Amino acid sequence: MKKIEAFIRPEKLEDIKVILKKLDLNGMSLSQVMGCGNQKGWKEFIRGAEVDVNFLPKIKIEVVVPDEQVDTVIDHITETARTGEAGDGKIFVFDIAEAVRIRTGERGNDAICHTK
């Protein structure tokens, strides 16, 4: 199992949610975050003083998927989130040692996949 963390532009969220639903993923977590990278931000004047605003709003999506779905999920997120401009985001992949569905006690892939 792998955990995929994708940092995307907020305006791409709805498109990504549609794609992940089509991939029949069982669940995801979303967080509103602030970050900086190549996009650089902008300058503002606040009470006459110049201020660099280099932390920009992003959305962090977290999903845990079976190993065989990792490349498909990454490809779909990348294709959907890409604008070609700085600030499109990043995707990180982590190994997951174990997953447990609290309600049923299911473990491993059974805990992250749909149940009847």
N, C-alpha and C. Protein backbone atom coordinates (compact mmCIF):
# COMPACT_ATOMS: atom_id res chain seq x y z
N MET A 1 0.84 -1.18 0.00
CA MET A 1 0.00 0.00 0.00
C MET A 1 0.88 1.24 0.00
N LYS A 2 0.36 2.29 -0.62
CA LYS A 2 1.07 3.56 -0.68
C LYS A 2 0.11 4.69 -0.32
N LYS A 3 0.68 5.71 0.32
CA LYS A 3 -0.06 6.94 0.57
C LYS A 3 0.42 7.96 -0.46
N ILE A 4 -0.54 8.55 -1.15
CA ILE A 4 -0.23 9.58 -2.14
C ILE A 4 -0.69 10.91 -1.56
N GLU A 5 0.24 11.87 -1.48
CA GLU A 5 -0.08 13.24 -1.08
C GLU A 5 0.12 14.12 -2.29
N ALA A 6 -0.93 14.78 -2.71
CA ALA A 6 -0.85 15.68 -3.86
C ALA A 6 -1.17 17.10 -3.40
N PHE A 7 -0.29 18.02 -3.71
CA PHE A 7 -0.50 19.44 -3.44
C PHE A 7 -0.88 20.09 -4.76
N ILE A 8 -2.08 20.64 -4.83
CA ILE A 8 -2.61 21.15 -6.10
C ILE A 8 -3.15 22.57 -5.93
N ARG A 9 -3.42 23.21 -7.05
CA ARG A 9 -4.08 24.52 -7.05
C ARG A 9 -5.52 24.34 -6.57
N PRO A 10 -6.03 25.25 -5.77
CA PRO A 10 -7.40 25.12 -5.27
C PRO A 10 -8.44 25.01 -6.39
N GLU A 11 -8.23 25.69 -7.49
CA GLU A 11 -9.22 25.67 -8.58
C GLU A 11 -9.28 24.33 -9.31
N LYS A 12 -8.33 23.44 -9.05
CA LYS A 12 -8.31 22.12 -9.68
C LYS A 12 -9.00 21.05 -8.81
N LEU A 13 -9.42 21.41 -7.61
CA LEU A 13 -9.95 20.43 -6.67
C LEU A 13 -11.15 19.67 -7.22
N GLU A 14 -12.14 20.35 -7.74
CA GLU A 14 -13.35 19.67 -8.21
C GLU A 14 -13.03 18.69 -9.33
N ASP A 15 -12.15 19.07 -10.25
CA ASP A 15 -11.76 18.16 -11.34
C ASP A 15 -11.05 16.92 -10.79
N ILE A 16 -10.19 17.11 -9.79
CA ILE A 16 -9.48 15.98 -9.19
C ILE A 16 -10.46 15.07 -8.45
N LYS A 17 -11.42 15.64 -7.74
CA LYS A 17 -12.42 14.82 -7.04
C LYS A 17 -13.18 13.94 -8.02
N VAL A 18 -13.54 14.47 -9.17
CA VAL A 18 -14.26 13.70 -10.19
C VAL A 18 -13.39 12.54 -10.67
N ILE A 19 -12.13 12.80 -10.94
CA ILE A 19 -11.21 11.77 -11.42
C ILE A 19 -11.04 10.67 -10.38
N LEU A 20 -10.84 11.04 -9.12
CA LEU A 20 -10.63 10.03 -8.07
C LEU A 20 -11.88 9.19 -7.86
N LYS A 21 -13.05 9.81 -8.02
CA LYS A 21 -14.30 9.04 -7.90
C LYS A 21 -14.41 8.03 -9.04
N LYS A 22 -14.03 8.44 -10.25
CA LYS A 22 -14.06 7.52 -11.40
C LYS A 22 -13.10 6.35 -11.21
N LEU A 23 -12.00 6.59 -10.47
CA LEU A 23 -11.04 5.52 -10.19
C LEU A 23 -11.53 4.60 -9.06
N ASP A 24 -12.69 4.90 -8.50
CA ASP A 24 -13.34 4.09 -7.47
C ASP A 24 -12.49 3.97 -6.20
N LEU A 25 -11.86 5.08 -5.82
CA LEU A 25 -11.08 5.07 -4.58
C LEU A 25 -12.04 5.18 -3.40
N ASN A 26 -11.70 4.49 -2.33
CA ASN A 26 -12.60 4.37 -1.19
C ASN A 26 -12.65 5.63 -0.33
N GLY A 27 -11.63 6.41 -0.28
CA GLY A 27 -11.65 7.58 0.58
C GLY A 27 -10.47 8.49 0.32
N MET A 28 -10.62 9.72 0.76
CA MET A 28 -9.53 10.68 0.65
C MET A 28 -9.70 11.72 1.73
N SER A 29 -8.61 12.38 2.06
CA SER A 29 -8.63 13.49 2.99
C SER A 29 -8.16 14.73 2.26
N LEU A 30 -8.77 15.86 2.60
CA LEU A 30 -8.41 17.15 2.00
C LEU A 30 -8.02 18.12 3.10
N SER A 31 -7.01 18.92 2.83
CA SER A 31 -6.61 19.98 3.75
C SER A 31 -6.33 21.23 2.94
N GLN A 32 -6.72 22.36 3.49
CA GLN A 32 -6.31 23.64 2.91
C GLN A 32 -4.98 24.00 3.55
N VAL A 33 -3.96 24.21 2.72
CA VAL A 33 -2.63 24.49 3.22
C VAL A 33 -2.08 25.73 2.51
N MET A 34 -0.98 26.24 3.03
CA MET A 34 -0.27 27.35 2.41
C MET A 34 1.13 26.85 2.11
N GLY A 35 1.69 27.25 0.96
CA GLY A 35 3.01 26.78 0.62
C GLY A 35 3.72 27.73 -0.32
N CYS A 36 4.99 27.45 -0.52
CA CYS A 36 5.78 28.25 -1.45
C CYS A 36 6.68 27.33 -2.24
N GLY A 37 7.04 27.79 -3.41
CA GLY A 37 7.91 27.04 -4.30
C GLY A 37 8.31 27.94 -5.45
N ASN A 38 8.33 27.39 -6.66
CA ASN A 38 8.74 28.17 -7.82
C ASN A 38 7.76 29.27 -8.19
N GLN A 39 6.53 29.17 -7.70
CA GLN A 39 5.51 30.16 -8.06
C GLN A 39 5.84 31.55 -7.51
N LYS A 40 6.54 31.61 -6.42
CA LYS A 40 7.11 32.82 -5.82
C LYS A 40 6.13 33.76 -5.11
N GLY A 41 4.87 33.79 -5.45
CA GLY A 41 3.95 34.70 -4.78
C GLY A 41 3.94 36.08 -5.40
N TRP A 42 3.71 37.10 -4.58
CA TRP A 42 3.61 38.46 -5.06
C TRP A 42 3.99 39.43 -3.96
N LYS A 43 4.09 40.71 -4.32
CA LYS A 43 4.40 41.76 -3.34
C LYS A 43 3.14 42.58 -3.10
N GLU A 44 2.93 42.96 -1.85
CA GLU A 44 1.81 43.82 -1.46
C GLU A 44 2.36 44.96 -0.63
N PHE A 45 1.61 46.04 -0.61
CA PHE A 45 1.94 47.15 0.28
C PHE A 45 0.90 47.20 1.38
N ILE A 46 1.36 47.06 2.60
CA ILE A 46 0.48 47.10 3.77
C ILE A 46 0.93 48.26 4.64
N ARG A 47 0.06 49.25 4.78
CA ARG A 47 0.37 50.48 5.53
C ARG A 47 1.68 51.12 5.06
N GLY A 48 1.87 51.10 3.75
CA GLY A 48 3.03 51.74 3.15
C GLY A 48 4.29 50.89 3.12
N ALA A 49 4.27 49.72 3.75
CA ALA A 49 5.45 48.86 3.76
C ALA A 49 5.27 47.73 2.75
N GLU A 50 6.33 47.47 1.98
CA GLU A 50 6.28 46.38 1.00
C GLU A 50 6.43 45.03 1.73
N VAL A 51 5.52 44.09 1.42
CA VAL A 51 5.53 42.78 2.05
C VAL A 51 5.52 41.71 0.96
N ASP A 52 6.44 40.74 1.06
CA ASP A 52 6.44 39.60 0.15
C ASP A 52 5.43 38.59 0.65
N VAL A 53 4.46 38.25 -0.21
CA VAL A 53 3.49 37.20 0.11
C VAL A 53 3.90 35.99 -0.73
N ASN A 54 4.69 35.10 -0.11
CA ASN A 54 5.19 33.97 -0.90
C ASN A 54 4.56 32.64 -0.46
N PHE A 55 3.69 32.65 0.51
CA PHE A 55 2.93 31.45 0.85
C PHE A 55 1.57 31.57 0.20
N LEU A 56 1.30 30.64 -0.70
CA LEU A 56 0.08 30.69 -1.49
C LEU A 56 -0.85 29.56 -1.10
N PRO A 57 -2.16 29.75 -1.25
CA PRO A 57 -3.10 28.69 -0.89
C PRO A 57 -2.99 27.49 -1.84
N LYS A 58 -2.98 26.32 -1.26
CA LYS A 58 -2.96 25.05 -1.99
C LYS A 58 -3.93 24.10 -1.31
N ILE A 59 -4.24 23.02 -1.99
CA ILE A 59 -5.04 21.94 -1.43
C ILE A 59 -4.16 20.71 -1.34
N LYS A 60 -4.16 20.06 -0.18
CA LYS A 60 -3.43 18.79 -0.04
C LYS A 60 -4.46 17.67 -0.04
N ILE A 61 -4.28 16.74 -0.96
CA ILE A 61 -5.13 15.56 -1.07
C ILE A 61 -4.32 14.37 -0.61
N GLU A 62 -4.89 13.56 0.28
CA GLU A 62 -4.23 12.35 0.75
C GLU A 62 -5.11 11.15 0.45
N VAL A 63 -4.54 10.15 -0.22
CA VAL A 63 -5.25 8.89 -0.48
C VAL A 63 -4.28 7.74 -0.24
N VAL A 64 -4.82 6.63 0.24
CA VAL A 64 -4.04 5.40 0.40
C VAL A 64 -4.60 4.40 -0.59
N VAL A 65 -3.71 3.83 -1.40
CA VAL A 65 -4.15 2.94 -2.48
C VAL A 65 -3.29 1.67 -2.49
N PRO A 66 -3.84 0.58 -3.04
CA PRO A 66 -3.02 -0.61 -3.24
C PRO A 66 -1.86 -0.29 -4.20
N ASP A 67 -0.76 -1.01 -4.06
CA ASP A 67 0.43 -0.75 -4.87
C ASP A 67 0.12 -0.71 -6.37
N GLU A 68 -0.78 -1.58 -6.83
CA GLU A 68 -1.05 -1.67 -8.27
C GLU A 68 -1.81 -0.45 -8.81
N GLN A 69 -2.36 0.40 -7.95
CA GLN A 69 -3.09 1.59 -8.41
C GLN A 69 -2.26 2.86 -8.39
N VAL A 70 -1.07 2.81 -7.82
CA VAL A 70 -0.29 4.03 -7.60
C VAL A 70 -0.03 4.79 -8.90
N ASP A 71 0.50 4.13 -9.91
CA ASP A 71 0.84 4.83 -11.15
C ASP A 71 -0.39 5.41 -11.83
N THR A 72 -1.50 4.68 -11.81
CA THR A 72 -2.73 5.18 -12.43
C THR A 72 -3.22 6.44 -11.73
N VAL A 73 -3.23 6.42 -10.39
CA VAL A 73 -3.69 7.58 -9.63
C VAL A 73 -2.78 8.77 -9.88
N ILE A 74 -1.47 8.56 -9.84
CA ILE A 74 -0.53 9.66 -10.09
C ILE A 74 -0.71 10.22 -11.49
N ASP A 75 -0.84 9.36 -12.49
CA ASP A 75 -1.01 9.82 -13.87
C ASP A 75 -2.28 10.66 -14.02
N HIS A 76 -3.37 10.23 -13.41
CA HIS A 76 -4.63 10.96 -13.53
C HIS A 76 -4.58 12.31 -12.79
N ILE A 77 -3.99 12.33 -11.60
CA ILE A 77 -3.87 13.60 -10.88
C ILE A 77 -2.99 14.56 -11.67
N THR A 78 -1.85 14.07 -12.15
CA THR A 78 -0.92 14.92 -12.90
C THR A 78 -1.58 15.51 -14.14
N GLU A 79 -2.24 14.66 -14.89
CA GLU A 79 -2.90 15.11 -16.12
C GLU A 79 -3.99 16.16 -15.83
N THR A 80 -4.74 15.94 -14.78
CA THR A 80 -5.87 16.83 -14.45
C THR A 80 -5.41 18.14 -13.83
N ALA A 81 -4.34 18.10 -13.02
CA ALA A 81 -3.90 19.29 -12.30
C ALA A 81 -2.95 20.17 -13.09
N ARG A 82 -2.41 19.67 -14.18
CA ARG A 82 -1.37 20.39 -14.91
C ARG A 82 -1.95 21.58 -15.69
N THR A 83 -1.34 22.76 -15.49
CA THR A 83 -1.64 23.93 -16.31
C THR A 83 -0.44 24.32 -17.16
N GLY A 84 0.74 23.81 -16.76
CA GLY A 84 1.97 24.17 -17.45
C GLY A 84 2.66 25.39 -16.86
N GLU A 85 2.06 25.95 -15.83
CA GLU A 85 2.63 27.14 -15.18
C GLU A 85 3.23 26.75 -13.83
N ALA A 86 4.14 27.59 -13.34
CA ALA A 86 4.69 27.38 -12.00
C ALA A 86 3.55 27.39 -11.00
N GLY A 87 3.61 26.50 -10.01
CA GLY A 87 2.57 26.44 -8.99
C GLY A 87 1.55 25.34 -9.21
N ASP A 88 1.78 24.48 -10.20
CA ASP A 88 0.85 23.37 -10.43
C ASP A 88 0.84 22.38 -9.28
N GLY A 89 1.92 22.28 -8.53
CA GLY A 89 1.95 21.43 -7.34
C GLY A 89 2.95 20.31 -7.41
N LYS A 90 2.86 19.42 -6.43
CA LYS A 90 3.76 18.28 -6.31
C LYS A 90 2.96 17.08 -5.81
N ILE A 91 3.50 15.89 -6.09
CA ILE A 91 2.93 14.65 -5.57
C ILE A 91 4.05 13.89 -4.87
N PHE A 92 3.74 13.39 -3.67
CA PHE A 92 4.68 12.58 -2.90
C PHE A 92 4.05 11.23 -2.61
N VAL A 93 4.86 10.19 -2.60
CA VAL A 93 4.37 8.83 -2.37
C VAL A 93 5.13 8.23 -1.19
N PHE A 94 4.38 7.64 -0.25
CA PHE A 94 4.94 7.05 0.96
C PHE A 94 4.52 5.59 1.07
N ASP A 95 5.40 4.76 1.62
CA ASP A 95 5.03 3.39 1.94
C ASP A 95 4.14 3.37 3.18
N ILE A 96 3.12 2.52 3.15
CA ILE A 96 2.24 2.33 4.30
C ILE A 96 2.47 0.91 4.81
N ALA A 97 2.86 0.79 6.07
CA ALA A 97 3.15 -0.52 6.64
C ALA A 97 1.87 -1.31 6.94
N GLU A 98 0.82 -0.62 7.35
CA GLU A 98 -0.41 -1.31 7.73
C GLU A 98 -1.58 -0.33 7.69
N ALA A 99 -2.76 -0.88 7.44
CA ALA A 99 -4.00 -0.12 7.50
C ALA A 99 -5.03 -1.00 8.22
N VAL A 100 -5.84 -0.39 9.07
CA VAL A 100 -6.86 -1.14 9.81
C VAL A 100 -8.17 -0.37 9.73
N ARG A 101 -9.22 -1.04 9.30
CA ARG A 101 -10.56 -0.44 9.33
C ARG A 101 -11.10 -0.69 10.74
N ILE A 102 -11.29 0.37 11.50
CA ILE A 102 -11.67 0.25 12.90
C ILE A 102 -13.00 -0.48 13.07
N ARG A 103 -13.97 -0.17 12.24
CA ARG A 103 -15.32 -0.75 12.37
C ARG A 103 -15.31 -2.26 12.30
N THR A 104 -14.53 -2.84 11.35
CA THR A 104 -14.58 -4.28 11.11
C THR A 104 -13.32 -5.02 11.54
N GLY A 105 -12.23 -4.30 11.77
CA GLY A 105 -10.97 -4.96 12.08
C GLY A 105 -10.22 -5.43 10.86
N GLU A 106 -10.75 -5.16 9.65
CA GLU A 106 -10.06 -5.57 8.42
C GLU A 106 -8.69 -4.89 8.36
N ARG A 107 -7.75 -5.59 7.75
CA ARG A 107 -6.38 -5.09 7.67
C ARG A 107 -5.88 -5.10 6.24
N GLY A 108 -4.82 -4.32 5.99
CA GLY A 108 -4.19 -4.30 4.68
C GLY A 108 -5.11 -3.74 3.61
N ASN A 109 -5.02 -4.29 2.39
CA ASN A 109 -5.84 -3.81 1.27
C ASN A 109 -7.33 -3.91 1.58
N ASP A 110 -7.74 -4.91 2.36
CA ASP A 110 -9.16 -5.04 2.72
C ASP A 110 -9.66 -3.82 3.49
N ALA A 111 -8.77 -3.18 4.24
CA ALA A 111 -9.16 -2.02 5.03
C ALA A 111 -9.32 -0.76 4.18
N ILE A 112 -8.69 -0.71 3.00
CA ILE A 112 -8.75 0.51 2.20
C ILE A 112 -9.64 0.36 0.97
N CYS A 113 -10.12 -0.85 0.71
CA CYS A 113 -10.96 -1.07 -0.46
C CYS A 113 -12.43 -1.10 -0.03
N HIS A 114 -13.32 -0.95 -1.01
CA HIS A 114 -14.76 -0.95 -0.72
C HIS A 114 -15.19 -2.25 -0.07
N THR A 115 -16.15 -2.14 0.84
CA THR A 115 -16.78 -3.32 1.41
C THR A 115 -18.23 -3.36 0.98
N LYS A 116 -18.80 -4.51 0.99
CA LYS A 116 -20.19 -4.68 0.58
C LYS A 116 -21.12 -4.31 1.71
